[in-house]
């Protein structure tokens, strides 16, 4: 179950649809390049979205997770997503077996972040908003998630 939680959180952290609040690609990359964490008020929705996604593949596991919502909120509150200046990323989730790493790039024309994990799988997230104080992303399944700098 922990592996599935980890995988879905990785998906949740992947960014979805946003409107860049900057005038240039360089400014957008500079705003993105930092360590982010889920915005505390959005944790209940993040957990609910994760459980909904797990339910599509494993309803029994999703039922078990329903009883662990408070614990999942605590775990996600400590998770981080770092976009580095060298175009690599690092996702750390407390209790996970290993961090997820890969490369990232901005597709400014489509206002998206394209992440490629170590296996070569691409994930595309649309940026709804990006500033020095917050980031709102829409993940590949259309769920909106809110982040703040760590």
N, C-alpha and C. Protein backbone atom coordinates (compact mmCIF):
# COMPACT_ATOMS: atom_id res chain seq x y z
N UNK A 1 0.82 -1.19 0.00
CA UNK A 1 0.00 0.00 0.00
C UNK A 1 0.87 1.26 0.00
N UNK A 2 1.99 1.23 0.73
CA UNK A 2 2.84 2.42 0.81
C UNK A 2 3.38 2.78 -0.58
N UNK A 3 3.68 1.77 -1.39
CA UNK A 3 4.19 2.04 -2.73
C UNK A 3 3.13 2.76 -3.56
N UNK A 4 1.88 2.32 -3.47
CA UNK A 4 0.80 2.96 -4.22
C UNK A 4 0.58 4.38 -3.74
N UNK A 5 0.62 4.61 -2.45
CA UNK A 5 0.49 5.96 -1.90
C UNK A 5 1.60 6.83 -2.46
N UNK A 6 2.81 6.31 -2.45
CA UNK A 6 3.96 7.05 -2.96
C UNK A 6 3.77 7.38 -4.44
N UNK A 7 3.34 6.40 -5.23
CA UNK A 7 3.17 6.62 -6.67
C UNK A 7 2.09 7.67 -6.93
N UNK A 8 0.99 7.61 -6.23
CA UNK A 8 -0.08 8.58 -6.46
C UNK A 8 0.31 9.96 -5.98
N UNK A 9 1.09 10.02 -4.90
CA UNK A 9 1.53 11.34 -4.45
C UNK A 9 2.47 11.95 -5.47
N UNK A 10 3.32 11.13 -6.05
CA UNK A 10 4.21 11.61 -7.10
C UNK A 10 3.37 12.20 -8.22
N UNK A 11 2.32 11.49 -8.60
CA UNK A 11 1.43 11.99 -9.65
C UNK A 11 0.79 13.31 -9.22
N UNK A 12 0.37 13.39 -7.97
CA UNK A 12 -0.26 14.61 -7.48
C UNK A 12 0.72 15.78 -7.50
N UNK A 13 1.98 15.48 -7.18
CA UNK A 13 2.95 16.55 -7.16
C UNK A 13 3.32 17.03 -8.56
N UNK A 14 3.11 16.19 -9.50
CA UNK A 14 3.35 16.60 -10.87
C UNK A 14 2.39 17.74 -11.18
N UNK A 15 2.85 18.68 -11.89
CA UNK A 15 2.09 19.92 -12.02
C UNK A 15 1.10 19.89 -13.16
N UNK A 16 0.00 20.58 -12.96
CA UNK A 16 -1.09 20.69 -13.91
C UNK A 16 -1.22 22.11 -14.45
N UNK A 17 -2.37 22.66 -14.83
CA UNK A 17 -2.58 23.87 -15.62
C UNK A 17 -2.44 25.21 -14.94
N UNK A 18 -1.60 26.11 -15.48
CA UNK A 18 -1.39 27.41 -14.86
C UNK A 18 -1.14 28.54 -15.83
N UNK A 19 -1.40 29.75 -15.35
CA UNK A 19 -1.13 30.97 -16.09
C UNK A 19 0.11 31.61 -15.49
N UNK A 20 1.15 31.75 -16.28
CA UNK A 20 2.38 32.33 -15.76
C UNK A 20 2.18 33.80 -15.47
N UNK A 21 2.59 34.20 -14.28
CA UNK A 21 2.47 35.59 -13.87
C UNK A 21 3.76 36.34 -14.12
N UNK A 22 4.47 35.97 -15.15
CA UNK A 22 5.74 36.60 -15.47
C UNK A 22 5.77 36.93 -16.94
N UNK A 23 6.74 37.76 -17.32
CA UNK A 23 6.80 38.20 -18.71
C UNK A 23 7.83 37.45 -19.53
N UNK A 24 8.63 36.57 -18.92
CA UNK A 24 9.63 35.88 -19.71
C UNK A 24 9.85 34.47 -19.22
N UNK A 25 10.37 33.67 -20.13
CA UNK A 25 10.68 32.28 -19.82
C UNK A 25 11.68 32.20 -18.67
N UNK A 26 12.72 33.04 -18.71
CA UNK A 26 13.74 33.02 -17.65
C UNK A 26 13.13 33.33 -16.29
N UNK A 27 12.22 34.30 -16.24
CA UNK A 27 11.56 34.62 -14.97
C UNK A 27 10.71 33.45 -14.48
N UNK A 28 10.03 32.78 -15.40
CA UNK A 28 9.20 31.63 -15.03
C UNK A 28 10.07 30.53 -14.44
N UNK A 29 11.18 30.23 -15.10
CA UNK A 29 12.08 29.18 -14.61
C UNK A 29 12.65 29.56 -13.25
N UNK A 30 12.97 30.83 -13.07
CA UNK A 30 13.51 31.28 -11.79
C UNK A 30 12.48 31.13 -10.67
N UNK A 31 11.22 31.45 -10.95
CA UNK A 31 10.18 31.28 -9.95
C UNK A 31 9.96 29.81 -9.60
N UNK A 32 10.05 28.96 -10.58
CA UNK A 32 9.81 27.53 -10.37
C UNK A 32 10.96 26.87 -9.61
N UNK A 33 12.17 27.35 -9.81
CA UNK A 33 13.36 26.73 -9.26
C UNK A 33 13.48 27.02 -7.77
N UNK A 34 12.94 26.09 -7.00
CA UNK A 34 12.95 26.16 -5.53
C UNK A 34 12.34 24.88 -5.00
N UNK A 35 12.23 24.78 -3.70
CA UNK A 35 11.59 23.64 -3.06
C UNK A 35 10.17 24.04 -2.67
N UNK A 36 9.20 23.22 -3.08
CA UNK A 36 7.79 23.48 -2.84
C UNK A 36 7.22 22.41 -1.91
N UNK A 37 6.15 22.77 -1.21
CA UNK A 37 5.41 21.80 -0.39
C UNK A 37 3.93 22.08 -0.59
N UNK A 38 3.08 21.08 -0.33
CA UNK A 38 1.65 21.32 -0.46
C UNK A 38 1.18 22.42 0.50
N UNK A 39 0.31 23.27 0.03
CA UNK A 39 -0.27 24.33 0.86
C UNK A 39 -1.13 23.65 1.93
N UNK A 40 -0.93 23.95 3.22
CA UNK A 40 -1.62 23.22 4.28
C UNK A 40 -3.14 23.13 4.13
N UNK A 41 -3.78 24.20 3.74
CA UNK A 41 -5.24 24.17 3.62
C UNK A 41 -5.71 23.24 2.50
N UNK A 42 -4.80 22.90 1.58
CA UNK A 42 -5.19 22.04 0.46
C UNK A 42 -4.96 20.56 0.73
N UNK A 43 -4.39 20.22 1.89
CA UNK A 43 -4.07 18.83 2.18
C UNK A 43 -5.30 17.91 2.17
N UNK A 44 -6.44 18.29 2.73
CA UNK A 44 -7.60 17.40 2.65
C UNK A 44 -7.99 17.06 1.21
N UNK A 45 -7.96 18.05 0.33
CA UNK A 45 -8.31 17.79 -1.07
C UNK A 45 -7.25 16.93 -1.75
N UNK A 46 -6.00 17.16 -1.42
CA UNK A 46 -4.91 16.36 -1.98
C UNK A 46 -5.09 14.89 -1.61
N UNK A 47 -5.40 14.62 -0.36
CA UNK A 47 -5.62 13.25 0.10
C UNK A 47 -6.86 12.66 -0.56
N UNK A 48 -7.94 13.40 -0.63
CA UNK A 48 -9.15 12.90 -1.29
C UNK A 48 -8.89 12.57 -2.76
N UNK A 49 -8.14 13.43 -3.44
CA UNK A 49 -7.82 13.18 -4.84
C UNK A 49 -6.99 11.91 -5.00
N UNK A 50 -6.01 11.74 -4.11
CA UNK A 50 -5.17 10.56 -4.17
C UNK A 50 -6.00 9.30 -3.97
N UNK A 51 -6.89 9.31 -2.99
CA UNK A 51 -7.73 8.14 -2.72
C UNK A 51 -8.64 7.87 -3.93
N UNK A 52 -9.18 8.91 -4.53
CA UNK A 52 -10.02 8.73 -5.73
C UNK A 52 -9.23 8.07 -6.86
N UNK A 53 -8.00 8.49 -7.03
CA UNK A 53 -7.16 7.91 -8.08
C UNK A 53 -6.82 6.45 -7.79
N UNK A 54 -6.52 6.15 -6.53
CA UNK A 54 -6.23 4.77 -6.14
C UNK A 54 -7.48 3.90 -6.34
N UNK A 55 -8.64 4.44 -6.04
CA UNK A 55 -9.89 3.70 -6.16
C UNK A 55 -10.10 3.16 -7.59
N UNK A 56 -9.63 3.89 -8.58
CA UNK A 56 -9.78 3.44 -9.96
C UNK A 56 -9.03 2.15 -10.24
N UNK A 57 -7.93 1.93 -9.54
CA UNK A 57 -7.12 0.73 -9.75
C UNK A 57 -7.33 -0.33 -8.68
N UNK A 58 -7.64 0.09 -7.46
CA UNK A 58 -7.72 -0.86 -6.36
C UNK A 58 -8.73 -0.35 -5.31
N UNK A 59 -10.02 -0.64 -5.51
CA UNK A 59 -11.05 -0.14 -4.58
C UNK A 59 -10.84 -0.57 -3.13
N UNK A 60 -10.34 -1.79 -2.91
CA UNK A 60 -10.12 -2.25 -1.54
C UNK A 60 -9.04 -1.43 -0.85
N UNK A 61 -7.99 -1.14 -1.57
CA UNK A 61 -6.92 -0.34 -0.99
C UNK A 61 -7.41 1.07 -0.70
N UNK A 62 -8.22 1.63 -1.60
CA UNK A 62 -8.78 2.96 -1.37
C UNK A 62 -9.65 2.97 -0.11
N UNK A 63 -10.41 1.90 0.11
CA UNK A 63 -11.23 1.81 1.32
C UNK A 63 -10.36 1.82 2.57
N UNK A 64 -9.23 1.13 2.52
CA UNK A 64 -8.31 1.13 3.66
C UNK A 64 -7.74 2.53 3.89
N UNK A 65 -7.43 3.21 2.81
CA UNK A 65 -6.85 4.55 2.91
C UNK A 65 -7.83 5.55 3.50
N UNK A 66 -9.12 5.34 3.27
CA UNK A 66 -10.15 6.23 3.84
C UNK A 66 -9.98 6.34 5.36
N UNK A 67 -9.61 5.23 5.99
CA UNK A 67 -9.43 5.21 7.44
C UNK A 67 -8.10 5.81 7.88
N UNK A 68 -7.26 6.17 6.93
CA UNK A 68 -5.94 6.70 7.26
C UNK A 68 -5.75 8.13 6.78
N UNK A 69 -6.83 8.84 6.55
CA UNK A 69 -6.73 10.19 5.99
C UNK A 69 -5.88 11.13 6.85
N UNK A 70 -6.05 11.09 8.15
CA UNK A 70 -5.30 12.01 9.01
C UNK A 70 -3.80 11.72 8.92
N UNK A 71 -3.44 10.44 8.91
CA UNK A 71 -2.03 10.07 8.79
C UNK A 71 -1.49 10.51 7.42
N UNK A 72 -2.27 10.33 6.37
CA UNK A 72 -1.83 10.73 5.03
C UNK A 72 -1.63 12.25 4.95
N UNK A 73 -2.49 13.01 5.59
CA UNK A 73 -2.32 14.47 5.61
C UNK A 73 -1.00 14.84 6.28
N UNK A 74 -0.66 14.15 7.37
CA UNK A 74 0.59 14.42 8.07
C UNK A 74 1.80 14.10 7.18
N UNK A 75 1.72 12.99 6.47
CA UNK A 75 2.82 12.60 5.57
C UNK A 75 2.97 13.63 4.46
N UNK A 76 1.86 13.98 3.80
CA UNK A 76 1.92 14.92 2.69
C UNK A 76 2.34 16.32 3.13
N UNK A 77 2.04 16.67 4.37
CA UNK A 77 2.44 17.98 4.89
C UNK A 77 3.96 18.12 4.93
N UNK A 78 4.67 17.00 5.03
CA UNK A 78 6.13 17.01 5.10
C UNK A 78 6.80 16.69 3.77
N UNK A 79 6.03 16.37 2.75
CA UNK A 79 6.59 16.04 1.44
C UNK A 79 7.07 17.31 0.73
N UNK A 80 8.09 17.15 -0.09
CA UNK A 80 8.60 18.30 -0.84
C UNK A 80 8.87 17.91 -2.30
N UNK A 81 8.80 18.93 -3.13
CA UNK A 81 9.11 18.80 -4.55
C UNK A 81 10.09 19.92 -4.88
N UNK A 82 11.29 19.54 -5.28
CA UNK A 82 12.31 20.54 -5.59
C UNK A 82 12.63 20.53 -7.07
N UNK A 83 12.49 21.70 -7.69
CA UNK A 83 12.93 21.91 -9.07
C UNK A 83 14.26 22.63 -8.99
N UNK A 84 15.31 22.01 -9.51
CA UNK A 84 16.66 22.56 -9.42
C UNK A 84 17.03 23.32 -10.68
N UNK A 85 17.98 24.23 -10.54
CA UNK A 85 18.42 25.06 -11.66
C UNK A 85 19.08 24.25 -12.77
N UNK A 86 19.57 23.06 -12.46
CA UNK A 86 20.19 22.21 -13.49
C UNK A 86 19.16 21.37 -14.25
N UNK A 87 17.88 21.71 -14.07
CA UNK A 87 16.75 21.03 -14.73
C UNK A 87 16.56 19.58 -14.27
N UNK A 88 16.90 19.32 -13.03
CA UNK A 88 16.55 18.06 -12.41
C UNK A 88 15.52 18.35 -11.32
N UNK A 89 14.78 17.32 -10.91
CA UNK A 89 13.83 17.49 -9.82
C UNK A 89 14.02 16.37 -8.81
N UNK A 90 13.51 16.61 -7.62
CA UNK A 90 13.62 15.67 -6.52
C UNK A 90 12.33 15.73 -5.71
N UNK A 91 11.69 14.59 -5.54
CA UNK A 91 10.49 14.50 -4.71
C UNK A 91 10.82 13.66 -3.50
N UNK A 92 10.62 14.24 -2.31
CA UNK A 92 10.87 13.54 -1.05
C UNK A 92 9.56 13.38 -0.30
N UNK A 93 9.26 12.14 0.06
CA UNK A 93 8.05 11.84 0.83
C UNK A 93 8.50 11.06 2.06
N UNK A 94 8.21 11.57 3.25
CA UNK A 94 8.62 10.86 4.47
C UNK A 94 8.13 9.41 4.46
N UNK A 95 9.04 8.50 4.80
CA UNK A 95 8.69 7.09 4.87
C UNK A 95 8.73 6.36 3.54
N UNK A 96 8.98 7.07 2.44
CA UNK A 96 9.04 6.39 1.14
C UNK A 96 10.39 5.70 1.00
N UNK A 97 10.43 4.65 0.20
CA UNK A 97 11.68 3.90 0.08
C UNK A 97 12.83 4.68 -0.56
N UNK A 98 12.50 5.57 -1.48
CA UNK A 98 13.54 6.35 -2.16
C UNK A 98 12.90 7.59 -2.77
N UNK A 99 13.69 8.64 -2.95
CA UNK A 99 13.13 9.82 -3.61
C UNK A 99 12.90 9.54 -5.10
N UNK A 100 12.01 10.31 -5.69
CA UNK A 100 11.83 10.22 -7.14
C UNK A 100 12.65 11.35 -7.75
N UNK A 101 13.36 11.03 -8.80
CA UNK A 101 14.19 12.02 -9.47
C UNK A 101 13.97 11.95 -10.98
N UNK A 102 14.42 12.96 -11.64
CA UNK A 102 14.33 13.01 -13.09
C UNK A 102 14.71 14.39 -13.57
N UNK A 103 14.27 14.71 -14.78
CA UNK A 103 14.55 16.02 -15.36
C UNK A 103 13.23 16.75 -15.61
N UNK A 104 13.33 18.07 -15.74
CA UNK A 104 12.16 18.88 -16.01
C UNK A 104 12.51 19.94 -17.04
N UNK A 105 11.46 20.42 -17.71
CA UNK A 105 11.61 21.55 -18.61
C UNK A 105 10.29 22.30 -18.65
N UNK A 106 10.39 23.59 -18.94
CA UNK A 106 9.19 24.41 -19.10
C UNK A 106 8.81 24.45 -20.56
N UNK A 107 7.53 24.29 -20.82
CA UNK A 107 6.97 24.52 -22.15
C UNK A 107 6.16 25.79 -22.00
N UNK A 108 6.81 26.93 -22.22
CA UNK A 108 6.16 28.20 -21.95
C UNK A 108 4.97 28.44 -22.88
N UNK A 109 5.08 27.98 -24.13
CA UNK A 109 3.99 28.19 -25.09
C UNK A 109 2.69 27.58 -24.60
N UNK A 110 2.79 26.42 -23.94
CA UNK A 110 1.60 25.74 -23.44
C UNK A 110 1.43 25.89 -21.94
N UNK A 111 2.27 26.69 -21.31
CA UNK A 111 2.25 26.92 -19.87
C UNK A 111 2.23 25.60 -19.10
N UNK A 112 3.23 24.77 -19.40
CA UNK A 112 3.31 23.45 -18.80
C UNK A 112 4.71 23.16 -18.29
N UNK A 113 4.74 22.26 -17.32
CA UNK A 113 5.98 21.68 -16.85
C UNK A 113 5.99 20.24 -17.37
N UNK A 114 7.05 19.88 -18.03
CA UNK A 114 7.20 18.52 -18.54
C UNK A 114 8.29 17.85 -17.72
N UNK A 115 7.89 16.80 -17.01
CA UNK A 115 8.85 16.06 -16.19
C UNK A 115 9.09 14.70 -16.82
N UNK A 116 10.34 14.27 -16.80
CA UNK A 116 10.71 12.95 -17.29
C UNK A 116 11.40 12.21 -16.16
N UNK A 117 10.82 11.07 -15.75
CA UNK A 117 11.43 10.33 -14.64
C UNK A 117 12.60 9.49 -15.14
N UNK A 118 13.25 8.77 -14.24
CA UNK A 118 14.45 8.03 -14.61
C UNK A 118 14.17 6.88 -15.57
N UNK A 119 12.91 6.47 -15.70
CA UNK A 119 12.56 5.41 -16.65
C UNK A 119 12.25 5.97 -18.04
N UNK A 120 12.20 7.32 -18.15
CA UNK A 120 11.90 7.94 -19.42
C UNK A 120 10.44 8.32 -19.60
N UNK A 121 9.61 8.04 -18.59
CA UNK A 121 8.18 8.38 -18.68
C UNK A 121 7.99 9.88 -18.46
N UNK A 122 7.25 10.50 -19.38
CA UNK A 122 6.95 11.93 -19.28
C UNK A 122 5.61 12.15 -18.58
N UNK A 123 5.57 13.19 -17.76
CA UNK A 123 4.34 13.66 -17.13
C UNK A 123 4.23 15.14 -17.42
N UNK A 124 3.07 15.57 -17.86
CA UNK A 124 2.88 16.97 -18.23
C UNK A 124 1.86 17.59 -17.29
N UNK A 125 2.22 18.74 -16.72
CA UNK A 125 1.37 19.46 -15.78
C UNK A 125 1.20 20.89 -16.26
N UNK A 126 -0.01 21.35 -16.24
CA UNK A 126 -0.30 22.72 -16.66
C UNK A 126 -0.20 23.64 -15.46
N UNK A 127 0.40 24.78 -15.68
CA UNK A 127 0.57 25.77 -14.60
C UNK A 127 -0.60 26.75 -14.67
N UNK A 128 -1.38 26.80 -13.60
CA UNK A 128 -2.48 27.76 -13.53
C UNK A 128 -1.98 29.11 -13.04
N UNK A 129 -1.10 29.07 -12.03
CA UNK A 129 -0.47 30.31 -11.56
C UNK A 129 0.87 29.97 -10.94
N UNK A 130 1.76 30.94 -11.02
CA UNK A 130 3.10 30.77 -10.47
C UNK A 130 3.61 32.13 -10.04
N UNK A 131 3.97 32.23 -8.76
CA UNK A 131 4.54 33.46 -8.23
C UNK A 131 5.59 33.07 -7.20
N UNK A 132 6.23 34.04 -6.62
CA UNK A 132 7.23 33.76 -5.59
C UNK A 132 6.60 33.14 -4.34
N UNK A 133 5.30 33.35 -4.16
CA UNK A 133 4.61 32.90 -2.94
C UNK A 133 3.75 31.66 -3.10
N UNK A 134 3.43 31.28 -4.34
CA UNK A 134 2.55 30.13 -4.52
C UNK A 134 2.61 29.60 -5.94
N UNK A 135 2.13 28.38 -6.05
CA UNK A 135 2.05 27.74 -7.35
C UNK A 135 0.77 26.90 -7.35
N UNK A 136 0.00 27.01 -8.41
CA UNK A 136 -1.21 26.20 -8.57
C UNK A 136 -1.04 25.41 -9.86
N UNK A 137 -1.14 24.09 -9.72
CA UNK A 137 -0.95 23.20 -10.85
C UNK A 137 -2.17 22.32 -11.04
N UNK A 138 -2.41 21.96 -12.26
CA UNK A 138 -3.46 20.99 -12.57
C UNK A 138 -2.75 19.75 -13.08
N UNK A 139 -2.96 18.65 -12.36
CA UNK A 139 -2.26 17.42 -12.71
C UNK A 139 -2.86 16.79 -13.96
N UNK A 140 -2.25 15.72 -14.47
CA UNK A 140 -2.72 15.13 -15.72
C UNK A 140 -4.17 14.63 -15.71
N UNK A 141 -4.76 14.42 -14.54
CA UNK A 141 -6.16 13.98 -14.49
C UNK A 141 -7.10 15.12 -14.13
N UNK A 142 -6.60 16.36 -14.21
CA UNK A 142 -7.45 17.53 -14.04
C UNK A 142 -7.67 18.01 -12.62
N UNK A 143 -6.91 17.50 -11.68
CA UNK A 143 -7.06 17.91 -10.29
C UNK A 143 -6.12 19.07 -9.98
N UNK A 144 -6.67 20.09 -9.35
CA UNK A 144 -5.92 21.31 -9.02
C UNK A 144 -5.27 21.15 -7.64
N UNK A 145 -3.96 21.48 -7.60
CA UNK A 145 -3.22 21.39 -6.34
C UNK A 145 -2.42 22.67 -6.10
N UNK A 146 -2.33 23.01 -4.83
CA UNK A 146 -1.74 24.28 -4.40
C UNK A 146 -0.44 24.02 -3.64
N UNK A 147 0.57 24.80 -3.96
CA UNK A 147 1.89 24.65 -3.36
C UNK A 147 2.41 26.00 -2.87
N UNK A 148 3.25 25.93 -1.85
CA UNK A 148 3.93 27.11 -1.33
C UNK A 148 5.41 26.77 -1.19
N UNK A 149 6.26 27.79 -1.19
CA UNK A 149 7.69 27.49 -0.99
C UNK A 149 7.93 26.90 0.39
N UNK A 150 8.89 26.03 0.47
CA UNK A 150 9.22 25.43 1.78
C UNK A 150 10.01 26.43 2.59
